[in-house]
Amino acid sequence: MPVAEGAGRLDAFEFPPLAENNAVGQAGQALWTRVNDQLGDSVRNSVFWTATILLNRAQMQLAALASLKSNWDTYGASAPNQVALDNGVRLLEHMTPIELSVLNIVPSAEGGVGFCFAVGNRYADIESSNEGDILGVKYVGTDMPVLIETDGSDASIEAALEQVRTHISA
């Protein structure tokens, strides 16, 4: 028995029309709309979604720095190199939504990437240098800055970020 032309092909299949003109079709459509709206609201207002958006924004800021060229500031500053950018990714991996919500990622005038945190008159930054160093400072208003040191290990990065968390939330 010959096979009809197009038989067995996915693009030849047509779904039956939705029964919108009967009670079941209308109720099903209303239920689908209500559930879809509720799901959208719960996702948009979730802590997870907020954290995802904040992390995505930070990753885009960091990625944008990869396209800078030397002398980006017209004063001869080196562009962030791959070492600084890779350490920047490592820093982001340890950040929580609290840090991400007050974070701005900028090129460093000394060559590298700066992670700046500011809440009111409280400020902290951690810089990932082109040489591979990761250092930071924290201060309030016009007070003398306090150095935040790391040895570049994940544990010391986490400890430095804990100092930032404590400082900006005080």
C-alpha atoms as a PDB file:
ATOM      1  CA  MET A   1       0.000   0.000   0.000  1.00  0.00           C
ATOM      2  CA  PRO A   2       1.545   3.315  -1.017  1.00  0.00           C
ATOM      3  CA  VAL A   3       2.278   5.904   1.689  1.00  0.00           C
ATOM      4  CA  ALA A   4       0.547   9.246   1.238  1.00  0.00           C
ATOM      5  CA  GLU A   5       2.803  12.111   0.304  1.00  0.00           C
ATOM      6  CA  GLY A   6       4.043  13.895   3.455  1.00  0.00           C
ATOM      7  CA  ALA A   7       2.921  11.103   5.773  1.00  0.00           C
ATOM      8  CA  GLY A   8       5.289  10.557   8.685  1.00  0.00           C
ATOM      9  CA  ARG A   9       6.823  13.998   8.402  1.00  0.00           C
ATOM     10  CA  LEU A  10       6.564  16.233  11.450  1.00  0.00           C
ATOM     11  CA  ASP A  11       5.879  19.355   9.411  1.00  0.00           C
ATOM     12  CA  ALA A  12       2.919  17.619   7.744  1.00  0.00           C
ATOM     13  CA  PHE A  13       1.152  17.141  11.094  1.00  0.00           C
ATOM     14  CA  GLU A  14      -1.450  19.705  12.078  1.00  0.00           C
ATOM     15  CA  PHE A  15      -2.688  20.095  15.612  1.00  0.00           C
ATOM     16  CA  PRO A  16      -6.449  20.142  15.963  1.00  0.00           C
ATOM     17  CA  PRO A  17      -7.887  23.620  16.576  1.00  0.00           C
ATOM     18  CA  LEU A  18      -8.468  24.647  20.186  1.00  0.00           C
ATOM     19  CA  ALA A  19     -12.125  24.338  21.053  1.00  0.00           C
ATOM     20  CA  GLU A  20     -12.493  28.008  21.945  1.00  0.00           C
ATOM     21  CA  ASN A  21     -16.169  28.104  21.114  1.00  0.00           C
ATOM     22  CA  ASN A  22     -17.290  25.604  23.721  1.00  0.00           C
ATOM     23  CA  ALA A  23     -17.329  25.755  27.528  1.00  0.00           C
ATOM     24  CA  VAL A  24     -14.351  23.431  27.982  1.00  0.00           C
ATOM     25  CA  GLY A  25     -12.209  25.396  25.518  1.00  0.00           C
ATOM     26  CA  GLN A  26     -13.094  28.728  27.131  1.00  0.00           C
ATOM     27  CA  ALA A  27     -12.486  27.407  30.664  1.00  0.00           C
ATOM     28  CA  GLY A  28      -9.214  25.830  29.583  1.00  0.00           C
ATOM     29  CA  GLN A  29      -8.064  29.076  27.979  1.00  0.00           C
ATOM     30  CA  ALA A  30      -9.033  31.073  31.101  1.00  0.00           C
ATOM     31  CA  LEU A  31      -7.190  28.583  33.349  1.00  0.00           C
ATOM     32  CA  TRP A  32      -4.094  28.689  31.132  1.00  0.00           C
ATOM     33  CA  THR A  33      -4.079  32.506  31.168  1.00  0.00           C
ATOM     34  CA  ARG A  34      -4.493  32.694  34.969  1.00  0.00           C
ATOM     35  CA  VAL A  35      -1.780  30.103  35.684  1.00  0.00           C
ATOM     36  CA  ASN A  36       0.583  31.721  33.175  1.00  0.00           C
ATOM     37  CA  ASP A  37       0.075  35.160  34.770  1.00  0.00           C
ATOM     38  CA  GLN A  38       0.586  33.794  38.304  1.00  0.00           C
ATOM     39  CA  LEU A  39       3.717  31.908  37.292  1.00  0.00           C
ATOM     40  CA  GLY A  40       5.116  34.997  35.593  1.00  0.00           C
ATOM     41  CA  ASP A  41       4.428  37.121  38.695  1.00  0.00           C
ATOM     42  CA  SER A  42       6.024  34.595  41.043  1.00  0.00           C
ATOM     43  CA  VAL A  43       9.137  34.278  38.873  1.00  0.00           C
ATOM     44  CA  ARG A  44       9.507  38.038  38.314  1.00  0.00           C
ATOM     45  CA  ASN A  45       9.183  38.720  42.057  1.00  0.00           C
ATOM     46  CA  SER A  46      11.385  35.867  43.239  1.00  0.00           C
ATOM     47  CA  VAL A  47      14.722  36.163  44.993  1.00  0.00           C
ATOM     48  CA  PHE A  48      16.173  33.761  42.434  1.00  0.00           C
ATOM     49  CA  TRP A  49      15.085  35.921  39.485  1.00  0.00           C
ATOM     50  CA  THR A  50      16.429  39.082  41.132  1.00  0.00           C
ATOM     51  CA  ALA A  51      19.779  37.394  41.823  1.00  0.00           C
ATOM     52  CA  THR A  52      19.900  36.088  38.246  1.00  0.00           C
ATOM     53  CA  ILE A  53      19.298  39.560  36.801  1.00  0.00           C
ATOM     54  CA  LEU A  54      21.919  41.134  39.096  1.00  0.00           C
ATOM     55  CA  LEU A  55      24.525  38.506  38.193  1.00  0.00           C
ATOM     56  CA  ASN A  56      23.748  38.877  34.492  1.00  0.00           C
ATOM     57  CA  ARG A  57      24.168  42.663  34.726  1.00  0.00           C
ATOM     58  CA  ALA A  58      27.529  42.238  36.483  1.00  0.00           C
ATOM     59  CA  GLN A  59      28.706  39.696  33.900  1.00  0.00           C
ATOM     60  CA  MET A  60      27.774  42.101  31.083  1.00  0.00           C
ATOM     61  CA  GLN A  61      29.687  44.942  32.777  1.00  0.00           C
ATOM     62  CA  LEU A  62      32.738  42.707  33.110  1.00  0.00           C
ATOM     63  CA  ALA A  63      32.471  41.451  29.528  1.00  0.00           C
ATOM     64  CA  ALA A  64      32.271  45.030  28.237  1.00  0.00           C
ATOM     65  CA  LEU A  65      35.688  45.738  29.763  1.00  0.00           C
ATOM     66  CA  ALA A  66      37.262  43.063  27.559  1.00  0.00           C
ATOM     67  CA  SER A  67      36.821  45.346  24.536  1.00  0.00           C
ATOM     68  CA  LEU A  68      38.770  48.271  26.017  1.00  0.00           C
ATOM     69  CA  LYS A  69      42.063  49.234  24.433  1.00  0.00           C
ATOM     70  CA  SER A  70      45.131  50.675  26.147  1.00  0.00           C
ATOM     71  CA  ASN A  71      44.830  54.405  26.816  1.00  0.00           C
ATOM     72  CA  TRP A  72      41.070  53.981  27.315  1.00  0.00           C
ATOM     73  CA  ASP A  73      41.124  56.944  29.732  1.00  0.00           C
ATOM     74  CA  THR A  74      43.374  59.122  27.480  1.00  0.00           C
ATOM     75  CA  TYR A  75      45.962  59.154  30.311  1.00  0.00           C
ATOM     76  CA  GLY A  76      47.776  55.987  29.237  1.00  0.00           C
ATOM     77  CA  ALA A  77      45.956  53.426  31.414  1.00  0.00           C
ATOM     78  CA  SER A  78      46.348  49.799  30.434  1.00  0.00           C
ATOM     79  CA  ALA A  79      43.221  47.954  29.407  1.00  0.00           C
ATOM     80  CA  PRO A  80      42.168  45.027  31.618  1.00  0.00           C
ATOM     81  CA  ASN A  81      43.973  41.906  30.442  1.00  0.00           C
ATOM     82  CA  GLN A  82      42.817  38.285  30.550  1.00  0.00           C
ATOM     83  CA  VAL A  83      44.355  37.707  33.998  1.00  0.00           C
ATOM     84  CA  ALA A  84      42.339  40.599  35.488  1.00  0.00           C
ATOM     85  CA  LEU A  85      39.168  39.500  33.698  1.00  0.00           C
ATOM     86  CA  ASP A  86      39.564  35.855  34.785  1.00  0.00           C
ATOM     87  CA  ASN A  87      40.041  36.939  38.407  1.00  0.00           C
ATOM     88  CA  GLY A  88      37.014  39.175  37.947  1.00  0.00           C
ATOM     89  CA  VAL A  89      34.948  36.139  37.011  1.00  0.00           C
ATOM     90  CA  ARG A  90      36.258  34.376  40.130  1.00  0.00           C
ATOM     91  CA  LEU A  91      35.193  37.348  42.262  1.00  0.00           C
ATOM     92  CA  LEU A  92      31.694  37.288  40.762  1.00  0.00           C
ATOM     93  CA  GLU A  93      31.382  33.574  41.553  1.00  0.00           C
ATOM     94  CA  HIS A  94      31.696  34.393  45.268  1.00  0.00           C
ATOM     95  CA  MET A  95      29.304  37.337  45.361  1.00  0.00           C
ATOM     96  CA  THR A  96      25.830  37.281  46.853  1.00  0.00           C
ATOM     97  CA  PRO A  97      22.848  39.340  45.699  1.00  0.00           C
ATOM     98  CA  ILE A  98      23.610  41.866  48.461  1.00  0.00           C
ATOM     99  CA  GLU A  99      26.971  42.718  46.901  1.00  0.00           C
ATOM    100  CA  LEU A 100      25.627  42.487  43.364  1.00  0.00           C
ATOM    101  CA  SER A 101      22.849  44.978  44.141  1.00  0.00           C
ATOM    102  CA  VAL A 102      25.360  47.717  45.058  1.00  0.00           C
ATOM    103  CA  LEU A 103      28.112  46.735  42.622  1.00  0.00           C
ATOM    104  CA  ASN A 104      29.554  48.697  39.754  1.00  0.00           C
ATOM    105  CA  ILE A 105      32.353  47.169  37.682  1.00  0.00           C
ATOM    106  CA  VAL A 106      34.775  49.639  36.133  1.00  0.00           C
ATOM    107  CA  PRO A 107      38.209  49.593  34.525  1.00  0.00           C
ATOM    108  CA  SER A 108      41.027  50.414  36.928  1.00  0.00           C
ATOM    109  CA  ALA A 109      43.295  53.345  36.111  1.00  0.00           C
ATOM    110  CA  GLU A 110      46.206  51.169  37.325  1.00  0.00           C
ATOM    111  CA  GLY A 111      45.330  48.440  34.820  1.00  0.00           C
ATOM    112  CA  GLY A 112      42.757  45.815  35.701  1.00  0.00           C
ATOM    113  CA  VAL A 113      39.186  45.688  36.906  1.00  0.00           C
ATOM    114  CA  GLY A 114      37.598  47.508  39.837  1.00  0.00           C
ATOM    115  CA  PHE A 115      34.590  46.156  41.744  1.00  0.00           C
ATOM    116  CA  CYS A 116      33.059  49.151  43.544  1.00  0.00           C
ATOM    117  CA  PHE A 117      30.464  48.843  46.308  1.00  0.00           C
ATOM    118  CA  ALA A 118      28.676  51.888  47.740  1.00  0.00           C
ATOM    119  CA  VAL A 119      25.816  52.267  50.202  1.00  0.00           C
ATOM    120  CA  GLY A 120      25.229  55.752  51.555  1.00  0.00           C
ATOM    121  CA  ASN A 121      28.606  57.083  52.690  1.00  0.00           C
ATOM    122  CA  ARG A 122      30.078  53.554  52.987  1.00  0.00           C
ATOM    123  CA  TYR A 123      32.397  52.527  50.194  1.00  0.00           C
ATOM    124  CA  ALA A 124      34.508  49.485  49.403  1.00  0.00           C
ATOM    125  CA  ASP A 125      36.285  48.278  46.332  1.00  0.00           C
ATOM    126  CA  ILE A 126      38.212  45.226  45.287  1.00  0.00           C
ATOM    127  CA  GLU A 127      40.558  45.444  42.332  1.00  0.00           C
ATOM    128  CA  SER A 128      41.760  42.632  40.148  1.00  0.00           C
ATOM    129  CA  SER A 129      45.026  43.857  38.652  1.00  0.00           C
ATOM    130  CA  ASN A 130      46.605  42.906  35.345  1.00  0.00           C
ATOM    131  CA  GLU A 131      49.473  41.386  37.367  1.00  0.00           C
ATOM    132  CA  GLY A 132      47.087  38.981  39.130  1.00  0.00           C
ATOM    133  CA  ASP A 133      46.839  40.751  42.490  1.00  0.00           C
ATOM    134  CA  ILE A 134      43.468  41.095  44.200  1.00  0.00           C
ATOM    135  CA  LEU A 135      43.345  43.909  46.765  1.00  0.00           C
ATOM    136  CA  GLY A 136      40.707  46.194  48.162  1.00  0.00           C
ATOM    137  CA  VAL A 137      39.896  49.055  50.475  1.00  0.00           C
ATOM    138  CA  LYS A 138      36.941  50.067  52.601  1.00  0.00           C
ATOM    139  CA  TYR A 139      36.070  53.355  54.266  1.00  0.00           C
ATOM    140  CA  VAL A 140      33.259  55.569  55.493  1.00  0.00           C
ATOM    141  CA  GLY A 141      32.945  59.151  54.252  1.00  0.00           C
ATOM    142  CA  THR A 142      36.320  60.866  54.472  1.00  0.00           C
ATOM    143  CA  ASP A 143      37.794  58.380  56.972  1.00  0.00           C
ATOM    144  CA  MET A 144      41.154  56.795  56.263  1.00  0.00           C
ATOM    145  CA  PRO A 145      40.792  53.723  53.971  1.00  0.00           C
ATOM    146  CA  VAL A 146      41.420  50.271  55.460  1.00  0.00           C
ATOM    147  CA  LEU A 147      43.221  47.775  53.226  1.00  0.00           C
ATOM    148  CA  ILE A 148      41.512  44.482  52.330  1.00  0.00           C
ATOM    149  CA  GLU A 149      44.180  41.944  51.386  1.00  0.00           C
ATOM    150  CA  THR A 150      43.910  38.595  49.637  1.00  0.00           C
ATOM    151  CA  ASP A 151      46.410  35.990  48.547  1.00  0.00           C
ATOM    152  CA  GLY A 152      44.304  35.206  45.472  1.00  0.00           C
ATOM    153  CA  SER A 153      42.906  31.946  46.841  1.00  0.00           C
ATOM    154  CA  ASP A 154      39.179  31.291  46.858  1.00  0.00           C
ATOM    155  CA  ALA A 155      39.165  31.313  50.670  1.00  0.00           C
ATOM    156  CA  SER A 156      40.838  34.726  50.835  1.00  0.00           C
ATOM    157  CA  ILE A 157      38.505  36.126  48.163  1.00  0.00           C
ATOM    158  CA  GLU A 158      35.547  34.915  50.213  1.00  0.00           C
ATOM    159  CA  ALA A 159      37.066  36.488  53.358  1.00  0.00           C
ATOM    160  CA  ALA A 160      37.579  39.799  51.519  1.00  0.00           C
ATOM    161  CA  LEU A 161      33.993  39.778  50.285  1.00  0.00           C
ATOM    162  CA  GLU A 162      32.804  39.031  53.823  1.00  0.00           C
ATOM    163  CA  GLN A 163      34.609  42.206  54.936  1.00  0.00           C
ATOM    164  CA  VAL A 164      32.797  44.091  52.162  1.00  0.00           C
ATOM    165  CA  ARG A 165      29.417  42.569  53.179  1.00  0.00           C
ATOM    166  CA  THR A 166      29.935  43.537  56.805  1.00  0.00           C
ATOM    167  CA  HIS A 167      31.141  47.013  55.890  1.00  0.00           C
ATOM    168  CA  ILE A 168      28.357  47.955  53.460  1.00  0.00           C
ATOM    169  CA  SER A 169      25.580  46.538  55.622  1.00  0.00           C
ATOM    170  CA  ALA A 170      26.705  48.231  58.880  1.00  0.00           C
END
